[in-house]
Amino acid sequence: MKMKLFYPMVERESIIVNKMSELAEHEFGIALYCETCDRLEEVDPNDWLQQGLPDISYSEMGFKCGECGEKGQKQIYPLVDGEMEMMAH
């Protein structure tokens, strides 16, 4: 006997996360990976804003590695209990 599975769609409101304040509001952070140094650096939007840095569009920002100065690859992660929740690749 075959069973038919039904998964109802859950309607969710879309969120917009273009600026640092929007990342902070929705509890996301930015991880920057430097391929040259093979290291990961975290940017917490809350810390960014508390330091008085501009509420910029993170996608347009060219973040650089704090060690070698090379451009980092940006990844957005959810914050869990205020900490970055790293996802497995």
PDB file of N, CA and C in Angstrom:
ATOM      1  N   MET A   1       0.841  -1.170   0.000  1.00  0.00           N
ATOM      2  CA  MET A   1       0.000   0.000   0.000  1.00  0.00           C
ATOM      3  C   MET A   1       0.894   1.243   0.000  1.00  0.00           C
ATOM      4  N   LYS A   2       0.662   2.149  -0.924  1.00  0.00           N
ATOM      5  CA  LYS A   2       1.416   3.386  -0.993  1.00  0.00           C
ATOM      6  C   LYS A   2       0.710   4.454  -0.180  1.00  0.00           C
ATOM      7  N   MET A   3       1.522   5.210   0.540  1.00  0.00           N
ATOM      8  CA  MET A   3       0.951   6.319   1.311  1.00  0.00           C
ATOM      9  C   MET A   3       1.286   7.619   0.611  1.00  0.00           C
ATOM     10  N   LYS A   4       0.333   8.481   0.592  1.00  0.00           N
ATOM     11  CA  LYS A   4       0.555   9.788   0.000  1.00  0.00           C
ATOM     12  C   LYS A   4       0.871  10.761   1.135  1.00  0.00           C
ATOM     13  N   LEU A   5       2.031  11.385   1.059  1.00  0.00           N
ATOM     14  CA  LEU A   5       2.434  12.331   2.094  1.00  0.00           C
ATOM     15  C   LEU A   5       2.011  13.731   1.701  1.00  0.00           C
ATOM     16  N   PHE A   6       1.528  14.461   2.649  1.00  0.00           N
ATOM     17  CA  PHE A   6       1.086  15.822   2.408  1.00  0.00           C
ATOM     18  C   PHE A   6       1.877  16.766   3.298  1.00  0.00           C
ATOM     19  N   TYR A   7       2.545  17.710   2.689  1.00  0.00           N
ATOM     20  CA  TYR A   7       3.302  18.710   3.426  1.00  0.00           C
ATOM     21  C   TYR A   7       2.700  20.078   3.115  1.00  0.00           C
ATOM     22  N   PRO A   8       1.905  20.596   4.021  1.00  0.00           N
ATOM     23  CA  PRO A   8       1.296  21.902   3.749  1.00  0.00           C
ATOM     24  C   PRO A   8       2.351  23.007   3.705  1.00  0.00           C
ATOM     25  N   MET A   9       2.162  23.944   2.807  1.00  0.00           N
ATOM     26  CA  MET A   9       3.064  25.092   2.711  1.00  0.00           C
ATOM     27  C   MET A   9       2.787  26.033   3.880  1.00  0.00           C
ATOM     28  N   VAL A  10       3.823  26.447   4.497  1.00  0.00           N
ATOM     29  CA  VAL A  10       3.701  27.406   5.586  1.00  0.00           C
ATOM     30  C   VAL A  10       3.993  28.781   4.993  1.00  0.00           C
ATOM     31  N   GLU A  11       3.020  29.660   5.115  1.00  0.00           N
ATOM     32  CA  GLU A  11       3.231  31.006   4.598  1.00  0.00           C
ATOM     33  C   GLU A  11       4.064  31.794   5.591  1.00  0.00           C
ATOM     34  N   ARG A  12       5.113  32.403   5.074  1.00  0.00           N
ATOM     35  CA  ARG A  12       6.004  33.214   5.897  1.00  0.00           C
ATOM     36  C   ARG A  12       6.198  34.553   5.215  1.00  0.00           C
ATOM     37  N   GLU A  13       6.345  35.547   6.036  1.00  0.00           N
ATOM     38  CA  GLU A  13       6.594  36.872   5.510  1.00  0.00           C
ATOM     39  C   GLU A  13       8.068  36.990   5.144  1.00  0.00           C
ATOM     40  N   SER A  14       8.319  37.544   3.980  1.00  0.00           N
ATOM     41  CA  SER A  14       9.705  37.746   3.551  1.00  0.00           C
ATOM     42  C   SER A  14      10.367  38.804   4.417  1.00  0.00           C
ATOM     43  N   ILE A  15      11.666  38.646   4.590  1.00  0.00           N
ATOM     44  CA  ILE A  15      12.425  39.665   5.309  1.00  0.00           C
ATOM     45  C   ILE A  15      13.454  40.260   4.361  1.00  0.00           C
ATOM     46  N   ILE A  16      13.820  41.491   4.630  1.00  0.00           N
ATOM     47  CA  ILE A  16      14.824  42.171   3.824  1.00  0.00           C
ATOM     48  C   ILE A  16      16.055  42.361   4.695  1.00  0.00           C
ATOM     49  N   VAL A  17      17.185  41.910   4.200  1.00  0.00           N
ATOM     50  CA  VAL A  17      18.436  42.040   4.945  1.00  0.00           C
ATOM     51  C   VAL A  17      19.531  42.586   4.035  1.00  0.00           C
ATOM     52  N   ASN A  18      19.444  43.866   3.735  1.00  0.00           N
ATOM     53  CA  ASN A  18      20.456  44.514   2.902  1.00  0.00           C
ATOM     54  C   ASN A  18      21.469  45.296   3.728  1.00  0.00           C
ATOM     55  N   LYS A  19      21.009  45.915   4.798  1.00  0.00           N
ATOM     56  CA  LYS A  19      21.867  46.782   5.603  1.00  0.00           C
ATOM     57  C   LYS A  19      22.277  46.091   6.892  1.00  0.00           C
ATOM     58  N   MET A  20      23.307  46.640   7.502  1.00  0.00           N
ATOM     59  CA  MET A  20      23.797  46.082   8.766  1.00  0.00           C
ATOM     60  C   MET A  20      22.689  46.083   9.827  1.00  0.00           C
ATOM     61  N   SER A  21      21.878  47.143   9.880  1.00  0.00           N
ATOM     62  CA  SER A  21      20.795  47.212  10.871  1.00  0.00           C
ATOM     63  C   SER A  21      19.758  46.120  10.636  1.00  0.00           C
ATOM     64  N   GLU A  22      19.518  45.770   9.386  1.00  0.00           N
ATOM     65  CA  GLU A  22      18.553  44.714   9.081  1.00  0.00           C
ATOM     66  C   GLU A  22      19.113  43.341   9.447  1.00  0.00           C
ATOM     67  N   LEU A  23      20.408  43.149   9.252  1.00  0.00           N
ATOM     68  CA  LEU A  23      21.030  41.899   9.707  1.00  0.00           C
ATOM     69  C   LEU A  23      20.896  41.786  11.223  1.00  0.00           C
ATOM     70  N   ALA A  24      21.175  42.873  11.927  1.00  0.00           N
ATOM     71  CA  ALA A  24      21.082  42.875  13.390  1.00  0.00           C
ATOM     72  C   ALA A  24      19.650  42.621  13.848  1.00  0.00           C
ATOM     73  N   GLU A  25      18.705  43.284  13.207  1.00  0.00           N
ATOM     74  CA  GLU A  25      17.290  43.134  13.580  1.00  0.00           C
ATOM     75  C   GLU A  25      16.818  41.693  13.450  1.00  0.00           C
ATOM     76  N   HIS A  26      17.278  40.998  12.425  1.00  0.00           N
ATOM     77  CA  HIS A  26      16.838  39.625  12.179  1.00  0.00           C
ATOM     78  C   HIS A  26      17.835  38.591  12.696  1.00  0.00           C
ATOM     79  N   GLU A  27      18.797  39.041  13.494  1.00  0.00           N
ATOM     80  CA  GLU A  27      19.760  38.175  14.185  1.00  0.00           C
ATOM     81  C   GLU A  27      20.615  37.336  13.229  1.00  0.00           C
ATOM     82  N   PHE A  28      21.260  38.044  12.295  1.00  0.00           N
ATOM     83  CA  PHE A  28      22.219  37.418  11.392  1.00  0.00           C
ATOM     84  C   PHE A  28      23.573  38.078  11.584  1.00  0.00           C
ATOM     85  N   GLY A  29      24.615  37.352  11.255  1.00  0.00           N
ATOM     86  CA  GLY A  29      25.965  37.877  11.282  1.00  0.00           C
ATOM     87  C   GLY A  29      26.648  37.588   9.961  1.00  0.00           C
ATOM     88  N   ILE A  30      27.838  38.133   9.785  1.00  0.00           N
ATOM     89  CA  ILE A  30      28.608  37.924   8.558  1.00  0.00           C
ATOM     90  C   ILE A  30      29.897  37.192   8.910  1.00  0.00           C
ATOM     91  N   ALA A  31      30.175  36.146   8.161  1.00  0.00           N
ATOM     92  CA  ALA A  31      31.452  35.446   8.278  1.00  0.00           C
ATOM     93  C   ALA A  31      32.259  35.806   7.039  1.00  0.00           C
ATOM     94  N   LEU A  32      33.504  36.199   7.251  1.00  0.00           N
ATOM     95  CA  LEU A  32      34.394  36.541   6.145  1.00  0.00           C
ATOM     96  C   LEU A  32      35.492  35.496   6.073  1.00  0.00           C
ATOM     97  N   TYR A  33      35.601  34.885   4.911  1.00  0.00           N
ATOM     98  CA  TYR A  33      36.639  33.869   4.726  1.00  0.00           C
ATOM     99  C   TYR A  33      37.735  34.444   3.851  1.00  0.00           C
ATOM    100  N   CYS A  34      38.972  34.355   4.322  1.00  0.00           N
ATOM    101  CA  CYS A  34      40.139  34.774   3.546  1.00  0.00           C
ATOM    102  C   CYS A  34      40.801  33.521   2.990  1.00  0.00           C
ATOM    103  N   GLU A  35      40.761  33.401   1.674  1.00  0.00           N
ATOM    104  CA  GLU A  35      41.357  32.235   1.027  1.00  0.00           C
ATOM    105  C   GLU A  35      42.876  32.239   1.161  1.00  0.00           C
ATOM    106  N   THR A  36      43.479  33.426   1.115  1.00  0.00           N
ATOM    107  CA  THR A  36      44.932  33.548   1.215  1.00  0.00           C
ATOM    108  C   THR A  36      45.436  33.042   2.563  1.00  0.00           C
ATOM    109  N   CYS A  37      44.782  33.473   3.643  1.00  0.00           N
ATOM    110  CA  CYS A  37      45.190  33.091   5.005  1.00  0.00           C
ATOM    111  C   CYS A  37      44.515  31.808   5.485  1.00  0.00           C
ATOM    112  N   ASP A  38      43.495  31.368   4.755  1.00  0.00           N
ATOM    113  CA  ASP A  38      42.670  30.223   5.162  1.00  0.00           C
ATOM    114  C   ASP A  38      42.138  30.420   6.577  1.00  0.00           C
ATOM    115  N   ARG A  39      41.526  31.584   6.790  1.00  0.00           N
ATOM    116  CA  ARG A  39      40.951  31.854   8.110  1.00  0.00           C
ATOM    117  C   ARG A  39      39.595  32.513   7.961  1.00  0.00           C
ATOM    118  N   LEU A  40      38.820  32.388   9.018  1.00  0.00           N
ATOM    119  CA  LEU A  40      37.467  32.921   9.072  1.00  0.00           C
ATOM    120  C   LEU A  40      37.413  34.028  10.111  1.00  0.00           C
ATOM    121  N   GLU A  41      36.819  35.134   9.743  1.00  0.00           N
ATOM    122  CA  GLU A  41      36.660  36.266  10.650  1.00  0.00           C
ATOM    123  C   GLU A  41      35.175  36.604  10.705  1.00  0.00           C
ATOM    124  N   GLU A  42      34.666  36.932  11.893  1.00  0.00           N
ATOM    125  CA  GLU A  42      33.254  37.225  12.058  1.00  0.00           C
ATOM    126  C   GLU A  42      33.024  38.719  12.198  1.00  0.00           C
ATOM    127  N   VAL A  43      31.921  39.188  11.613  1.00  0.00           N
ATOM    128  CA  VAL A  43      31.480  40.565  11.780  1.00  0.00           C
ATOM    129  C   VAL A  43      30.087  40.504  12.387  1.00  0.00           C
ATOM    130  N   ASP A  44      29.944  41.036  13.588  1.00  0.00           N
ATOM    131  CA  ASP A  44      28.644  41.088  14.256  1.00  0.00           C
ATOM    132  C   ASP A  44      28.027  42.449  13.951  1.00  0.00           C
ATOM    133  N   PRO A  45      26.902  42.479  13.225  1.00  0.00           N
ATOM    134  CA  PRO A  45      26.273  43.753  12.885  1.00  0.00           C
ATOM    135  C   PRO A  45      25.919  44.614  14.099  1.00  0.00           C
ATOM    136  N   ASN A  46      25.560  43.985  15.224  1.00  0.00           N
ATOM    137  CA  ASN A  46      25.262  44.749  16.444  1.00  0.00           C
ATOM    138  C   ASN A  46      26.497  45.501  16.920  1.00  0.00           C
ATOM    139  N   ASP A  47      27.646  44.815  16.954  1.00  0.00           N
ATOM    140  CA  ASP A  47      28.895  45.464  17.356  1.00  0.00           C
ATOM    141  C   ASP A  47      29.255  46.587  16.389  1.00  0.00           C
ATOM    142  N   TRP A  48      29.062  46.315  15.099  1.00  0.00           N
ATOM    143  CA  TRP A  48      29.353  47.292  14.045  1.00  0.00           C
ATOM    144  C   TRP A  48      28.589  48.588  14.316  1.00  0.00           C
ATOM    145  N   LEU A  49      27.286  48.460  14.542  1.00  0.00           N
ATOM    146  CA  LEU A  49      26.439  49.637  14.743  1.00  0.00           C
ATOM    147  C   LEU A  49      26.728  50.323  16.078  1.00  0.00           C
ATOM    148  N   GLN A  50      27.013  49.543  17.128  1.00  0.00           N
ATOM    149  CA  GLN A  50      27.317  50.124  18.443  1.00  0.00           C
ATOM    150  C   GLN A  50      28.611  50.925  18.417  1.00  0.00           C
ATOM    151  N   GLN A  51      29.517  50.598  17.505  1.00  0.00           N
ATOM    152  CA  GLN A  51      30.771  51.339  17.362  1.00  0.00           C
ATOM    153  C   GLN A  51      30.574  52.629  16.562  1.00  0.00           C
ATOM    154  N   GLY A  52      29.336  52.870  16.106  1.00  0.00           N
ATOM    155  CA  GLY A  52      29.045  54.084  15.354  1.00  0.00           C
ATOM    156  C   GLY A  52      29.438  54.009  13.886  1.00  0.00           C
ATOM    157  N   LEU A  53      29.707  52.806  13.391  1.00  0.00           N
ATOM    158  CA  LEU A  53      30.044  52.639  11.980  1.00  0.00           C
ATOM    159  C   LEU A  53      28.767  52.778  11.139  1.00  0.00           C
ATOM    160  N   PRO A  54      28.890  53.143   9.873  1.00  0.00           N
ATOM    161  CA  PRO A  54      27.708  53.444   9.072  1.00  0.00           C
ATOM    162  C   PRO A  54      26.810  52.231   8.819  1.00  0.00           C
ATOM    163  N   ASP A  55      25.510  52.508   8.709  1.00  0.00           N
ATOM    164  CA  ASP A  55      24.521  51.478   8.414  1.00  0.00           C
ATOM    165  C   ASP A  55      24.511  51.258   6.904  1.00  0.00           C
ATOM    166  N   ILE A  56      25.502  50.519   6.445  1.00  0.00           N
ATOM    167  CA  ILE A  56      25.730  50.313   5.017  1.00  0.00           C
ATOM    168  C   ILE A  56      25.051  49.048   4.508  1.00  0.00           C
ATOM    169  N   SER A  57      24.991  48.932   3.189  1.00  0.00           N
ATOM    170  CA  SER A  57      24.566  47.702   2.544  1.00  0.00           C
ATOM    171  C   SER A  57      25.766  46.755   2.582  1.00  0.00           C
ATOM    172  N   TYR A  58      25.646  45.661   3.318  1.00  0.00           N
ATOM    173  CA  TYR A  58      26.791  44.754   3.474  1.00  0.00           C
ATOM    174  C   TYR A  58      27.196  44.122   2.144  1.00  0.00           C
ATOM    175  N   SER A  59      26.228  43.963   1.220  1.00  0.00           N
ATOM    176  CA  SER A  59      26.559  43.322  -0.057  1.00  0.00           C
ATOM    177  C   SER A  59      27.464  44.199  -0.918  1.00  0.00           C
ATOM    178  N   GLU A  60      27.416  45.513  -0.712  1.00  0.00           N
ATOM    179  CA  GLU A  60      28.253  46.424  -1.479  1.00  0.00           C
ATOM    180  C   GLU A  60      29.601  46.684  -0.809  1.00  0.00           C
ATOM    181  N   MET A  61      29.731  46.288   0.442  1.00  0.00           N
ATOM    182  CA  MET A  61      30.945  46.536   1.200  1.00  0.00           C
ATOM    183  C   MET A  61      32.018  45.518   0.832  1.00  0.00           C
ATOM    184  N   GLY A  62      33.213  45.987   0.549  1.00  0.00           N
ATOM    185  CA  GLY A  62      34.332  45.106   0.227  1.00  0.00           C
ATOM    186  C   GLY A  62      35.158  44.838   1.476  1.00  0.00           C
ATOM    187  N   PHE A  63      34.713  43.930   2.323  1.00  0.00           N
ATOM    188  CA  PHE A  63      35.426  43.601   3.546  1.00  0.00           C
ATOM    189  C   PHE A  63      36.785  42.998   3.218  1.00  0.00           C
ATOM    190  N   LYS A  64      37.791  43.376   3.997  1.00  0.00           N
ATOM    191  CA  LYS A  64      39.142  42.864   3.794  1.00  0.00           C
ATOM    192  C   LYS A  64      39.609  42.095   5.028  1.00  0.00           C
ATOM    193  N   CYS A  65      40.489  41.165   4.808  1.00  0.00           N
ATOM    194  CA  CYS A  65      41.070  40.363   5.875  1.00  0.00           C
ATOM    195  C   CYS A  65      41.849  41.261   6.831  1.00  0.00           C
ATOM    196  N   GLY A  66      41.669  41.035   8.117  1.00  0.00           N
ATOM    197  CA  GLY A  66      42.373  41.804   9.131  1.00  0.00           C
ATOM    198  C   GLY A  66      43.851  41.449   9.236  1.00  0.00           C
ATOM    199  N   GLU A  67      44.259  40.342   8.631  1.00  0.00           N
ATOM    200  CA  GLU A  67      45.658  39.913   8.675  1.00  0.00           C
ATOM    201  C   GLU A  67      46.443  40.349   7.434  1.00  0.00           C
ATOM    202  N   CYS A  68      45.948  39.957   6.253  1.00  0.00           N
ATOM    203  CA  CYS A  68      46.727  40.199   5.032  1.00  0.00           C
ATOM    204  C   CYS A  68      46.157  41.303   4.140  1.00  0.00           C
ATOM    205  N   GLY A  69      44.926  41.732   4.401  1.00  0.00           N
ATOM    206  CA  GLY A  69      44.326  42.806   3.614  1.00  0.00           C
ATOM    207  C   GLY A  69      43.641  42.367   2.334  1.00  0.00           C
ATOM    208  N   GLU A  70      43.646  41.065   2.045  1.00  0.00           N
ATOM    209  CA  GLU A  70      42.953  40.557   0.853  1.00  0.00           C
ATOM    210  C   GLU A  70      41.440  40.628   1.071  1.00  0.00           C
ATOM    211  N   LYS A  71      40.708  40.706  -0.037  1.00  0.00           N
ATOM    212  CA  LYS A  71      39.248  40.754   0.027  1.00  0.00           C
ATOM    213  C   LYS A  71      38.706  39.419   0.528  1.00  0.00           C
ATOM    214  N   GLY A  72      37.779  39.472   1.488  1.00  0.00           N
ATOM    215  CA  GLY A  72      37.193  38.263   2.052  1.00  0.00           C
ATOM    216  C   GLY A  72      35.907  37.872   1.352  1.00  0.00           C
ATOM    217  N   GLN A  73      35.595  36.589   1.377  1.00  0.00           N
ATOM    218  CA  GLN A  73      34.338  36.077   0.845  1.00  0.00           C
ATOM    219  C   GLN A  73      33.300  36.154   1.954  1.00  0.00           C
ATOM    220  N   LYS A  74      32.146  36.781   1.678  1.00  0.00           N
ATOM    221  CA  LYS A  74      31.106  36.983   2.693  1.00  0.00           C
ATOM    222  C   LYS A  74      30.113  35.823   2.704  1.00  0.00           C
ATOM    223  N   GLN A  75      29.745  35.409   3.909  1.00  0.00           N
ATOM    224  CA  GLN A  75      28.683  34.432   4.101  1.00  0.00           C
ATOM    225  C   GLN A  75      27.831  34.924   5.256  1.00  0.00           C
ATOM    226  N   ILE A  76      26.526  34.813   5.103  1.00  0.00           N
ATOM    227  CA  ILE A  76      25.589  35.260   6.133  1.00  0.00           C
ATOM    228  C   ILE A  76      25.143  34.046   6.930  1.00  0.00           C
ATOM    229  N   TYR A  77      25.180  34.179   8.256  1.00  0.00           N
ATOM    230  CA  TYR A  77      24.801  33.092   9.150  1.00  0.00           C
ATOM    231  C   TYR A  77      23.825  33.591  10.205  1.00  0.00           C
ATOM    232  N   PRO A  78      22.927  32.705  10.654  1.00  0.00           N
ATOM    233  CA  PRO A  78      22.049  33.089  11.760  1.00  0.00           C
ATOM    234  C   PRO A  78      22.835  33.132  13.068  1.00  0.00           C
ATOM    235  N   LEU A  79      22.476  34.060  13.924  1.00  0.00           N
ATOM    236  CA  LEU A  79      23.049  34.107  15.263  1.00  0.00           C
ATOM    237  C   LEU A  79      22.178  33.252  16.173  1.00  0.00           C
ATOM    238  N   VAL A  80      22.794  32.392  16.955  1.00  0.00           N
ATOM    239  CA  VAL A  80      22.084  31.555  17.916  1.00  0.00           C
ATOM    240  C   VAL A  80      22.647  31.891  19.283  1.00  0.00           C
ATOM    241  N   ASP A  81      21.797  32.415  20.136  1.00  0.00           N
ATOM    242  CA  ASP A  81      22.231  32.888  21.468  1.00  0.00           C
ATOM    243  C   ASP A  81      23.361  33.900  21.335  1.00  0.00           C
ATOM    244  N   GLY A  82      23.269  34.755  20.305  1.00  0.00           N
ATOM    245  CA  GLY A  82      24.250  35.813  20.106  1.00  0.00           C
ATOM    246  C   GLY A  82      25.560  35.364  19.476  1.00  0.00           C
ATOM    247  N   GLU A  83      25.656  34.089  19.115  1.00  0.00           N
ATOM    248  CA  GLU A  83      26.887  33.552  18.521  1.00  0.00           C
ATOM    249  C   GLU A  83      26.598  33.069  17.096  1.00  0.00           C
ATOM    250  N   MET A  84      27.638  33.080  16.261  1.00  0.00           N
ATOM    251  CA  MET A  84      27.484  32.589  14.903  1.00  0.00           C
ATOM    252  C   MET A  84      27.219  31.098  14.922  1.00  0.00           C
ATOM    253  N   GLU A  85      26.215  30.666  14.175  1.00  0.00           N
ATOM    254  CA  GLU A  85      25.895  29.258  14.042  1.00  0.00           C
ATOM    255  C   GLU A  85      26.428  28.806  12.691  1.00  0.00           C
ATOM    256  N   MET A  86      27.598  28.189  12.708  1.00  0.00           N
ATOM    257  CA  MET A  86      28.254  27.803  11.467  1.00  0.00           C
ATOM    258  C   MET A  86      27.547  26.589  10.862  1.00  0.00           C
ATOM    259  N   MET A  87      27.315  26.669   9.560  1.00  0.00           N
ATOM    260  CA  MET A  87      26.654  25.597   8.850  1.00  0.00           C
ATOM    261  C   MET A  87      27.703  24.707   8.188  1.00  0.00           C
ATOM    262  N   ALA A  88      27.430  23.429   8.158  1.00  0.00           N
ATOM    263  CA  ALA A  88      28.352  22.505   7.488  1.00  0.00           C
ATOM    264  C   ALA A  88      28.249  22.687   5.989  1.00  0.00           C
ATOM    265  N   HIS A  89      29.363  22.532   5.290  1.00  0.00           N
ATOM    266  CA  HIS A  89      29.361  22.666   3.826  1.00  0.00           C
ATOM    267  C   HIS A  89      28.973  21.369   3.193  1.00  0.00           C
TER     268      HIS A  89
END
